[in-house]
Amino acid sequence: MVCFHGNKATRHKALSTCGPHLCSLLNYGLVLFLEESQKKLQLRSLNRGFQLLLSVYLVVGPPICNAALYGLHISPLRRACWDLLRRRR
């Protein structure tokens, strides 16, 4: 509600506060959905390596994504990431 009815500064603050939380939740939910659907549907046709990757990502992926998302709120780290991306172009 704040994102739709507040002024520009309020919307920016609400999005910068809630955005990482929503991304983390969506990431974790997607991984759980893929893992559970694999179990429920007994997908034997999936590549064994892909099944292993999903299982490992369930444990390793969300913490790495959380660290990256919340780490980007730190200004020096954000500037360093942007500089690194600009050099690769």
Protein backbone atom coordinates (compact mmCIF):
# COMPACT_ATOMS: atom_id res chain seq x y z
CA MET A 1 0.00 0.00 0.00
CA VAL A 2 2.84 2.39 0.82
CA CYS A 3 4.40 1.82 -2.60
CA PHE A 4 1.24 2.91 -4.38
CA HIS A 5 0.03 5.79 -2.21
CA GLY A 6 3.15 7.47 -0.82
CA ASN A 7 5.30 10.14 -2.38
CA LYS A 8 8.39 9.26 -4.40
CA ALA A 9 10.78 9.19 -1.44
CA THR A 10 8.42 6.99 0.58
CA ARG A 11 7.95 4.58 -2.31
CA HIS A 12 11.72 4.36 -2.82
CA LYS A 13 12.31 3.67 0.88
CA ALA A 14 9.56 1.03 1.02
CA LEU A 15 10.87 -0.70 -2.09
CA SER A 16 14.47 -0.64 -0.90
CA THR A 17 13.38 -2.11 2.43
CA CYS A 18 10.94 -4.76 1.17
CA GLY A 19 12.59 -5.59 -2.17
CA PRO A 20 15.39 -7.79 -0.82
CA HIS A 21 12.97 -9.58 1.48
CA LEU A 22 10.64 -10.34 -1.41
CA CYS A 23 13.49 -11.51 -3.65
CA SER A 24 14.79 -13.82 -0.93
CA LEU A 25 11.33 -15.22 -0.28
CA LEU A 26 10.66 -15.79 -3.98
CA ASN A 27 14.05 -17.42 -4.47
CA TYR A 28 13.58 -19.79 -1.55
CA GLY A 29 9.97 -20.54 -2.55
CA LEU A 30 10.97 -21.36 -6.12
CA VAL A 31 13.70 -23.73 -4.96
CA LEU A 32 11.34 -25.45 -2.53
CA PHE A 33 8.67 -25.76 -5.21
CA LEU A 34 11.11 -27.34 -7.66
CA GLU A 35 12.45 -29.73 -5.02
CA GLU A 36 8.99 -30.80 -3.82
CA SER A 37 7.58 -31.17 -7.34
CA GLN A 38 10.55 -33.35 -8.20
CA LYS A 39 9.76 -35.58 -5.21
CA LYS A 40 5.98 -35.65 -5.66
CA LEU A 41 6.03 -36.29 -9.39
CA GLN A 42 8.93 -38.73 -9.09
CA LEU A 43 10.66 -37.24 -12.08
CA ARG A 44 13.07 -39.99 -13.01
CA SER A 45 13.51 -38.54 -16.49
CA LEU A 46 15.45 -35.55 -15.17
CA ASN A 47 19.18 -35.64 -15.58
CA ARG A 48 20.88 -36.92 -12.41
CA GLY A 49 23.25 -33.95 -12.45
CA PHE A 50 20.31 -31.53 -12.58
CA GLN A 51 18.66 -33.30 -9.64
CA LEU A 52 21.90 -32.99 -7.68
CA LEU A 53 22.23 -29.32 -8.62
CA LEU A 54 18.71 -28.59 -7.35
CA SER A 55 19.42 -30.37 -4.07
CA VAL A 56 22.68 -28.52 -3.52
CA TYR A 57 21.14 -25.20 -4.51
CA LEU A 58 18.42 -25.67 -1.90
CA VAL A 59 21.09 -25.59 0.80
CA VAL A 60 23.65 -23.20 -0.72
CA GLY A 61 21.67 -20.88 -2.99
CA PRO A 62 19.37 -18.90 -0.68
CA PRO A 63 22.13 -17.94 1.81
CA ILE A 64 24.37 -16.75 -1.03
CA CYS A 65 21.52 -14.76 -2.60
CA ASN A 66 20.64 -13.24 0.79
CA ALA A 67 24.23 -12.17 1.35
CA ALA A 68 24.39 -10.63 -2.12
CA LEU A 69 21.04 -8.83 -1.81
CA TYR A 70 21.68 -7.39 1.63
CA GLY A 71 25.33 -6.70 0.87
CA LEU A 72 24.33 -4.41 -1.99
CA HIS A 73 22.87 -2.00 0.57
CA ILE A 74 26.43 -1.19 1.62
CA SER A 75 27.48 1.71 -0.60
CA PRO A 76 31.18 0.85 -1.09
CA LEU A 77 30.29 -2.73 -2.00
CA ARG A 78 27.60 -1.58 -4.42
CA ARG A 79 30.03 0.83 -6.12
CA ALA A 80 32.65 -1.91 -6.43
CA CYS A 81 30.11 -4.25 -8.05
CA TRP A 82 29.00 -1.58 -10.54
CA ASP A 83 32.63 -0.81 -11.40
CA LEU A 84 33.30 -4.49 -11.96
CA LEU A 85 30.29 -4.82 -14.24
CA ARG A 86 31.22 -1.71 -16.24
CA ARG A 87 34.72 -3.05 -16.95
CA ARG A 88 33.35 -6.24 -18.48
CA ARG A 89 31.28 -4.43 -21.11
